[in-house]
């Protein structure tokens, strides 16, 4: 069995209100020097054994069709 780890983040230039709220919260907790926080998602999927190319194509299709909003988000993944 293989495990796909997908990292989804907002594209640069897209407003990140959650990241901004976390940055302010860190500041109020005394963490100085944090200039910017960008929030994202981590998705882990267990895949059936198969050819690596087919697994990569399947994960890419999952991201494009469901997991990431490709208008405002970008994604990277690795399969281990």
PDB file of N, CA and C in Angstrom:
ATOM      1  N   UNK A   1       0.853  -1.173   0.000  1.00  0.00           N
ATOM      2  CA  UNK A   1       0.000   0.000   0.000  1.00  0.00           C
ATOM      3  C   UNK A   1       0.901   1.239   0.000  1.00  0.00           C
ATOM      4  N   UNK A   2       0.487   2.250  -0.716  1.00  0.00           N
ATOM      5  CA  UNK A   2       1.214   3.520  -0.779  1.00  0.00           C
ATOM      6  C   UNK A   2       0.383   4.599  -0.093  1.00  0.00           C
ATOM      7  N   UNK A   3       1.077   5.631   0.396  1.00  0.00           N
ATOM      8  CA  UNK A   3       0.392   6.744   1.047  1.00  0.00           C
ATOM      9  C   UNK A   3       0.688   8.013   0.265  1.00  0.00           C
ATOM     10  N   UNK A   4      -0.363   8.719  -0.133  1.00  0.00           N
ATOM     11  CA  UNK A   4      -0.215  10.015  -0.789  1.00  0.00           C
ATOM     12  C   UNK A   4      -0.403  11.102   0.253  1.00  0.00           C
ATOM     13  N   UNK A   5       0.528  12.047   0.284  1.00  0.00           N
ATOM     14  CA  UNK A   5       0.415  13.222   1.168  1.00  0.00           C
ATOM     15  C   UNK A   5       0.261  14.431   0.268  1.00  0.00           C
ATOM     16  N   UNK A   6      -0.896  15.102   0.379  1.00  0.00           N
ATOM     17  CA  UNK A   6      -1.234  16.232  -0.480  1.00  0.00           C
ATOM     18  C   UNK A   6      -1.248  17.495   0.368  1.00  0.00           C
ATOM     19  N   UNK A   7      -0.479  18.498  -0.054  1.00  0.00           N
ATOM     20  CA  UNK A   7      -0.417  19.796   0.627  1.00  0.00           C
ATOM     21  C   UNK A   7      -1.159  20.809  -0.246  1.00  0.00           C
ATOM     22  N   UNK A   8      -2.183  21.435   0.319  1.00  0.00           N
ATOM     23  CA  UNK A   8      -2.997  22.399  -0.416  1.00  0.00           C
ATOM     24  C   UNK A   8      -2.871  23.750   0.272  1.00  0.00           C
ATOM     25  N   UNK A   9      -2.492  24.772  -0.493  1.00  0.00           N
ATOM     26  CA  UNK A   9      -2.347  26.119   0.053  1.00  0.00           C
ATOM     27  C   UNK A   9      -2.993  27.122  -0.890  1.00  0.00           C
ATOM     28  N   UNK A  10      -3.306  28.290  -0.346  1.00  0.00           N
ATOM     29  CA  UNK A  10      -3.830  29.363  -1.185  1.00  0.00           C
ATOM     30  C   UNK A  10      -2.721  29.878  -2.100  1.00  0.00           C
ATOM     31  N   UNK A  11      -3.077  30.242  -3.297  1.00  0.00           N
ATOM     32  CA  UNK A  11      -2.111  30.834  -4.216  1.00  0.00           C
ATOM     33  C   UNK A  11      -1.640  32.176  -3.672  1.00  0.00           C
ATOM     34  N   UNK A  12      -0.410  32.550  -4.031  1.00  0.00           N
ATOM     35  CA  UNK A  12       0.096  33.857  -3.639  1.00  0.00           C
ATOM     36  C   UNK A  12      -0.847  34.932  -4.187  1.00  0.00           C
ATOM     37  N   UNK A  13      -1.094  35.951  -3.393  1.00  0.00           N
ATOM     38  CA  UNK A  13      -1.976  37.033  -3.813  1.00  0.00           C
ATOM     39  C   UNK A  13      -3.424  36.841  -3.395  1.00  0.00           C
ATOM     40  N   UNK A  14      -3.785  35.617  -2.969  1.00  0.00           N
ATOM     41  CA  UNK A  14      -5.146  35.360  -2.498  1.00  0.00           C
ATOM     42  C   UNK A  14      -5.192  35.674  -1.014  1.00  0.00           C
ATOM     43  N   UNK A  15      -6.158  36.474  -0.607  1.00  0.00           N
ATOM     44  CA  UNK A  15      -6.314  36.868   0.787  1.00  0.00           C
ATOM     45  C   UNK A  15      -6.489  35.630   1.673  1.00  0.00           C
ATOM     46  N   UNK A  16      -5.791  35.600   2.807  1.00  0.00           N
ATOM     47  CA  UNK A  16      -5.844  34.467   3.729  1.00  0.00           C
ATOM     48  C   UNK A  16      -6.316  34.953   5.104  1.00  0.00           C
ATOM     49  N   UNK A  17      -7.632  35.121   5.305  1.00  0.00           N
ATOM     50  CA  UNK A  17      -8.126  35.637   6.586  1.00  0.00           C
ATOM     51  C   UNK A  17      -7.808  34.717   7.761  1.00  0.00           C
ATOM     52  N   UNK A  18      -7.785  33.427   7.557  1.00  0.00           N
ATOM     53  CA  UNK A  18      -7.452  32.500   8.636  1.00  0.00           C
ATOM     54  C   UNK A  18      -5.987  32.678   9.048  1.00  0.00           C
ATOM     55  N   UNK A  19      -5.102  32.801   8.085  1.00  0.00           N
ATOM     56  CA  UNK A  19      -3.699  33.044   8.377  1.00  0.00           C
ATOM     57  C   UNK A  19      -3.494  34.357   9.120  1.00  0.00           C
ATOM     58  N   UNK A  20      -4.242  35.383   8.710  1.00  0.00           N
ATOM     59  CA  UNK A  20      -4.143  36.683   9.373  1.00  0.00           C
ATOM     60  C   UNK A  20      -4.605  36.586  10.829  1.00  0.00           C
ATOM     61  N   UNK A  21      -5.689  35.870  11.071  1.00  0.00           N
ATOM     62  CA  UNK A  21      -6.191  35.701  12.437  1.00  0.00           C
ATOM     63  C   UNK A  21      -5.174  34.948  13.301  1.00  0.00           C
ATOM     64  N   UNK A  22      -4.544  33.930  12.743  1.00  0.00           N
ATOM     65  CA  UNK A  22      -3.542  33.174  13.491  1.00  0.00           C
ATOM     66  C   UNK A  22      -2.334  34.052  13.789  1.00  0.00           C
ATOM     67  N   UNK A  23      -1.912  34.865  12.833  1.00  0.00           N
ATOM     68  CA  UNK A  23      -0.779  35.762  13.057  1.00  0.00           C
ATOM     69  C   UNK A  23      -1.068  36.717  14.214  1.00  0.00           C
ATOM     70  N   UNK A  24      -2.275  37.295  14.224  1.00  0.00           N
ATOM     71  CA  UNK A  24      -2.665  38.197  15.316  1.00  0.00           C
ATOM     72  C   UNK A  24      -2.727  37.457  16.652  1.00  0.00           C
ATOM     73  N   UNK A  25      -3.232  36.226  16.646  1.00  0.00           N
ATOM     74  CA  UNK A  25      -3.297  35.440  17.876  1.00  0.00           C
ATOM     75  C   UNK A  25      -1.894  35.128  18.394  1.00  0.00           C
ATOM     76  N   UNK A  26      -0.980  34.785  17.502  1.00  0.00           N
ATOM     77  CA  UNK A  26       0.401  34.525  17.919  1.00  0.00           C
ATOM     78  C   UNK A  26       1.020  35.773  18.539  1.00  0.00           C
ATOM     79  N   UNK A  27       0.750  36.917  17.917  1.00  0.00           N
ATOM     80  CA  UNK A  27       1.266  38.183  18.444  1.00  0.00           C
ATOM     81  C   UNK A  27       0.711  38.443  19.845  1.00  0.00           C
ATOM     82  N   UNK A  28      -0.580  38.209  20.026  1.00  0.00           N
ATOM     83  CA  UNK A  28      -1.187  38.466  21.347  1.00  0.00           C
ATOM     84  C   UNK A  28      -0.686  37.485  22.402  1.00  0.00           C
ATOM     85  N   UNK A  29      -0.172  36.326  21.979  1.00  0.00           N
ATOM     86  CA  UNK A  29       0.400  35.363  22.912  1.00  0.00           C
ATOM     87  C   UNK A  29       1.871  35.636  23.198  1.00  0.00           C
ATOM     88  N   UNK A  30       2.403  36.696  22.585  1.00  0.00           N
ATOM     89  CA  UNK A  30       3.773  37.083  22.866  1.00  0.00           C
ATOM     90  C   UNK A  30       4.811  36.583  21.885  1.00  0.00           C
ATOM     91  N   UNK A  31       4.398  35.952  20.807  1.00  0.00           N
ATOM     92  CA  UNK A  31       5.348  35.483  19.799  1.00  0.00           C
ATOM     93  C   UNK A  31       5.688  36.644  18.874  1.00  0.00           C
ATOM     94  N   UNK A  32       6.850  37.224  19.081  1.00  0.00           N
ATOM     95  CA  UNK A  32       7.277  38.390  18.315  1.00  0.00           C
ATOM     96  C   UNK A  32       7.967  37.958  17.020  1.00  0.00           C
ATOM     97  N   UNK A  33       7.925  38.816  16.041  1.00  0.00           N
ATOM     98  CA  UNK A  33       8.661  38.589  14.802  1.00  0.00           C
ATOM     99  C   UNK A  33       7.943  37.753  13.761  1.00  0.00           C
ATOM    100  N   UNK A  34       6.707  37.359  14.003  1.00  0.00           N
ATOM    101  CA  UNK A  34       5.947  36.614  12.995  1.00  0.00           C
ATOM    102  C   UNK A  34       5.320  37.645  12.070  1.00  0.00           C
ATOM    103  N   UNK A  35       5.793  37.685  10.837  1.00  0.00           N
ATOM    104  CA  UNK A  35       5.315  38.704   9.900  1.00  0.00           C
ATOM    105  C   UNK A  35       4.123  38.242   9.071  1.00  0.00           C
ATOM    106  N   UNK A  36       4.073  36.944   8.745  1.00  0.00           N
ATOM    107  CA  UNK A  36       2.960  36.454   7.926  1.00  0.00           C
ATOM    108  C   UNK A  36       2.728  34.981   8.225  1.00  0.00           C
ATOM    109  N   UNK A  37       1.474  34.567   8.202  1.00  0.00           N
ATOM    110  CA  UNK A  37       1.094  33.165   8.348  1.00  0.00           C
ATOM    111  C   UNK A  37       0.187  32.824   7.173  1.00  0.00           C
ATOM    112  N   UNK A  38       0.477  31.730   6.505  1.00  0.00           N
ATOM    113  CA  UNK A  38      -0.391  31.218   5.444  1.00  0.00           C
ATOM    114  C   UNK A  38      -0.891  29.857   5.900  1.00  0.00           C
ATOM    115  N   UNK A  39      -2.187  29.658   5.886  1.00  0.00           N
ATOM    116  CA  UNK A  39      -2.781  28.397   6.322  1.00  0.00           C
ATOM    117  C   UNK A  39      -3.041  27.516   5.107  1.00  0.00           C
ATOM    118  N   UNK A  40      -3.093  26.225   5.358  1.00  0.00           N
ATOM    119  CA  UNK A  40      -3.345  25.280   4.280  1.00  0.00           C
ATOM    120  C   UNK A  40      -3.961  24.007   4.832  1.00  0.00           C
ATOM    121  N   UNK A  41      -3.979  22.982   3.982  1.00  0.00           N
ATOM    122  CA  UNK A  41      -4.549  21.696   4.364  1.00  0.00           C
ATOM    123  C   UNK A  41      -3.548  20.599   4.020  1.00  0.00           C
ATOM    124  N   UNK A  42      -3.570  19.535   4.815  1.00  0.00           N
ATOM    125  CA  UNK A  42      -2.813  18.323   4.528  1.00  0.00           C
ATOM    126  C   UNK A  42      -3.815  17.196   4.422  1.00  0.00           C
ATOM    127  N   UNK A  43      -3.782  16.486   3.304  1.00  0.00           N
ATOM    128  CA  UNK A  43      -4.676  15.350   3.084  1.00  0.00           C
ATOM    129  C   UNK A  43      -3.804  14.119   2.890  1.00  0.00           C
ATOM    130  N   UNK A  44      -4.075  13.053   3.637  1.00  0.00           N
ATOM    131  CA  UNK A  44      -3.359  11.793   3.471  1.00  0.00           C
ATOM    132  C   UNK A  44      -4.332  10.743   2.956  1.00  0.00           C
ATOM    133  N   UNK A  45      -3.917  10.045   1.919  1.00  0.00           N
ATOM    134  CA  UNK A  45      -4.769   9.036   1.291  1.00  0.00           C
ATOM    135  C   UNK A  45      -3.955   7.757   1.137  1.00  0.00           C
ATOM    136  N   UNK A  46      -4.502   6.632   1.589  1.00  0.00           N
ATOM    137  CA  UNK A  46      -3.880   5.332   1.363  1.00  0.00           C
ATOM    138  C   UNK A  46      -4.334   4.818   0.007  1.00  0.00           C
ATOM    139  N   UNK A  47      -3.361   4.461  -0.814  1.00  0.00           N
ATOM    140  CA  UNK A  47      -3.637   4.001  -2.169  1.00  0.00           C
ATOM    141  C   UNK A  47      -3.310   2.512  -2.302  1.00  0.00           C
ATOM    142  N   UNK A  48      -4.077   1.830  -3.129  1.00  0.00           N
ATOM    143  CA  UNK A  48      -3.775   0.433  -3.431  1.00  0.00           C
ATOM    144  C   UNK A  48      -2.468   0.377  -4.221  1.00  0.00           C
ATOM    145  N   UNK A  49      -1.768  -0.730  -4.094  1.00  0.00           N
ATOM    146  CA  UNK A  49      -0.535  -0.909  -4.855  1.00  0.00           C
ATOM    147  C   UNK A  49      -0.835  -0.857  -6.349  1.00  0.00           C
ATOM    148  N   UNK A  50       0.110  -0.313  -7.078  1.00  0.00           N
ATOM    149  CA  UNK A  50      -0.038  -0.209  -8.525  1.00  0.00           C
ATOM    150  C   UNK A  50       1.128   0.560  -9.098  1.00  0.00           C
ATOM    151  N   UNK A  51       1.144   0.711 -10.406  1.00  0.00           N
ATOM    152  CA  UNK A  51       2.219   1.465 -11.038  1.00  0.00           C
ATOM    153  C   UNK A  51       2.257   2.912 -10.542  1.00  0.00           C
ATOM    154  N   UNK A  52       3.456   3.398 -10.276  1.00  0.00           N
ATOM    155  CA  UNK A  52       3.643   4.746  -9.718  1.00  0.00           C
ATOM    156  C   UNK A  52       2.980   5.811 -10.601  1.00  0.00           C
ATOM    157  N   UNK A  53       3.131   5.716 -11.901  1.00  0.00           N
ATOM    158  CA  UNK A  53       2.545   6.699 -12.805  1.00  0.00           C
ATOM    159  C   UNK A  53       1.032   6.759 -12.701  1.00  0.00           C
ATOM    160  N   UNK A  54       0.409   5.600 -12.549  1.00  0.00           N
ATOM    161  CA  UNK A  54      -1.052   5.559 -12.411  1.00  0.00           C
ATOM    162  C   UNK A  54      -1.494   6.169 -11.083  1.00  0.00           C
ATOM    163  N   UNK A  55      -0.732   5.900 -10.018  1.00  0.00           N
ATOM    164  CA  UNK A  55      -1.052   6.481  -8.717  1.00  0.00           C
ATOM    165  C   UNK A  55      -0.948   8.005  -8.773  1.00  0.00           C
ATOM    166  N   UNK A  56       0.119   8.507  -9.388  1.00  0.00           N
ATOM    167  CA  UNK A  56       0.299   9.960  -9.499  1.00  0.00           C
ATOM    168  C   UNK A  56      -0.832  10.585 -10.307  1.00  0.00           C
ATOM    169  N   UNK A  57      -1.212   9.942 -11.402  1.00  0.00           N
ATOM    170  CA  UNK A  57      -2.307  10.462 -12.228  1.00  0.00           C
ATOM    171  C   UNK A  57      -3.611  10.477 -11.443  1.00  0.00           C
ATOM    172  N   UNK A  58      -3.838   9.436 -10.655  1.00  0.00           N
ATOM    173  CA  UNK A  58      -5.072   9.353  -9.859  1.00  0.00           C
ATOM    174  C   UNK A  58      -5.108  10.459  -8.806  1.00  0.00           C
ATOM    175  N   UNK A  59      -3.995  10.671  -8.103  1.00  0.00           N
ATOM    176  CA  UNK A  59      -3.951  11.708  -7.074  1.00  0.00           C
ATOM    177  C   UNK A  59      -4.132  13.088  -7.714  1.00  0.00           C
ATOM    178  N   UNK A  60      -3.479  13.321  -8.838  1.00  0.00           N
ATOM    179  CA  UNK A  60      -3.630  14.608  -9.533  1.00  0.00           C
ATOM    180  C   UNK A  60      -5.089  14.830  -9.923  1.00  0.00           C
ATOM    181  N   UNK A  61      -5.758  13.789 -10.410  1.00  0.00           N
ATOM    182  CA  UNK A  61      -7.168  13.897 -10.793  1.00  0.00           C
ATOM    183  C   UNK A  61      -8.036  14.183  -9.566  1.00  0.00           C
ATOM    184  N   UNK A  62      -7.743  13.545  -8.428  1.00  0.00           N
ATOM    185  CA  UNK A  62      -8.486  13.807  -7.190  1.00  0.00           C
ATOM    186  C   UNK A  62      -8.357  15.280  -6.791  1.00  0.00           C
ATOM    187  N   UNK A  63      -7.141  15.793  -6.893  1.00  0.00           N
ATOM    188  CA  UNK A  63      -6.903  17.190  -6.519  1.00  0.00           C
ATOM    189  C   UNK A  63      -7.650  18.136  -7.445  1.00  0.00           C
ATOM    190  N   UNK A  64      -7.561  17.887  -8.731  1.00  0.00           N
ATOM    191  CA  UNK A  64      -8.182  18.770  -9.721  1.00  0.00           C
ATOM    192  C   UNK A  64      -9.703  18.743  -9.644  1.00  0.00           C
ATOM    193  N   UNK A  65     -10.276  17.578  -9.335  1.00  0.00           N
ATOM    194  CA  UNK A  65     -11.728  17.432  -9.372  1.00  0.00           C
ATOM    195  C   UNK A  65     -12.422  17.653  -8.038  1.00  0.00           C
ATOM    196  N   UNK A  66     -11.691  17.475  -6.902  1.00  0.00           N
ATOM    197  CA  UNK A  66     -12.374  17.547  -5.615  1.00  0.00           C
ATOM    198  C   UNK A  66     -11.582  18.241  -4.513  1.00  0.00           C
ATOM    199  N   UNK A  67     -10.353  17.839  -4.314  1.00  0.00           N
ATOM    200  CA  UNK A  67      -9.639  18.245  -3.099  1.00  0.00           C
ATOM    201  C   UNK A  67      -9.192  19.696  -3.081  1.00  0.00           C
ATOM    202  N   UNK A  68      -8.818  20.250  -4.233  1.00  0.00           N
ATOM    203  CA  UNK A  68      -8.324  21.631  -4.280  1.00  0.00           C
ATOM    204  C   UNK A  68      -9.217  22.469  -5.182  1.00  0.00           C
ATOM    205  N   UNK A  69      -9.447  23.694  -4.772  1.00  0.00           N
ATOM    206  CA  UNK A  69     -10.129  24.669  -5.624  1.00  0.00           C
ATOM    207  C   UNK A  69      -9.023  25.355  -6.427  1.00  0.00           C
ATOM    208  N   UNK A  70      -8.771  24.859  -7.624  1.00  0.00           N
ATOM    209  CA  UNK A  70      -7.600  25.299  -8.382  1.00  0.00           C
ATOM    210  C   UNK A  70      -7.686  26.745  -8.868  1.00  0.00           C
ATOM    211  N   UNK A  71      -8.806  27.395  -8.672  1.00  0.00           N
ATOM    212  CA  UNK A  71      -8.904  28.818  -8.994  1.00  0.00           C
ATOM    213  C   UNK A  71      -8.109  29.632  -7.974  1.00  0.00           C
ATOM    214  N   UNK A  72      -8.183  29.239  -6.706  1.00  0.00           N
ATOM    215  CA  UNK A  72      -7.509  30.011  -5.651  1.00  0.00           C
ATOM    216  C   UNK A  72      -6.464  29.211  -4.875  1.00  0.00           C
ATOM    217  N   UNK A  73      -6.393  27.893  -5.116  1.00  0.00           N
ATOM    218  CA  UNK A  73      -5.457  27.058  -4.358  1.00  0.00           C
ATOM    219  C   UNK A  73      -4.483  26.354  -5.294  1.00  0.00           C
ATOM    220  N   UNK A  74      -3.321  26.025  -4.741  1.00  0.00           N
ATOM    221  CA  UNK A  74      -2.361  25.194  -5.453  1.00  0.00           C
ATOM    222  C   UNK A  74      -2.049  23.999  -4.565  1.00  0.00           C
ATOM    223  N   UNK A  75      -1.529  22.949  -5.168  1.00  0.00           N
ATOM    224  CA  UNK A  75      -1.256  21.742  -4.397  1.00  0.00           C
ATOM    225  C   UNK A  75       0.049  21.101  -4.857  1.00  0.00           C
ATOM    226  N   UNK A  76       0.645  20.389  -3.940  1.00  0.00           N
ATOM    227  CA  UNK A  76       1.774  19.512  -4.236  1.00  0.00           C
ATOM    228  C   UNK A  76       1.488  18.208  -3.545  1.00  0.00           C
ATOM    229  N   UNK A  77       2.096  17.132  -4.030  1.00  0.00           N
ATOM    230  CA  UNK A  77       1.908  15.851  -3.361  1.00  0.00           C
ATOM    231  C   UNK A  77       3.135  14.980  -3.535  1.00  0.00           C
ATOM    232  N   UNK A  78       3.240  14.031  -2.603  1.00  0.00           N
ATOM    233  CA  UNK A  78       4.261  12.998  -2.725  1.00  0.00           C
ATOM    234  C   UNK A  78       3.609  11.676  -2.390  1.00  0.00           C
ATOM    235  N   UNK A  79       4.130  10.629  -2.965  1.00  0.00           N
ATOM    236  CA  UNK A  79       3.619   9.281  -2.713  1.00  0.00           C
ATOM    237  C   UNK A  79       4.770   8.479  -2.135  1.00  0.00           C
ATOM    238  N   UNK A  80       4.524   7.877  -0.974  1.00  0.00           N
ATOM    239  CA  UNK A  80       5.558   7.064  -0.318  1.00  0.00           C
ATOM    240  C   UNK A  80       5.062   5.633  -0.172  1.00  0.00           C
TER     241      UNK A  80
END
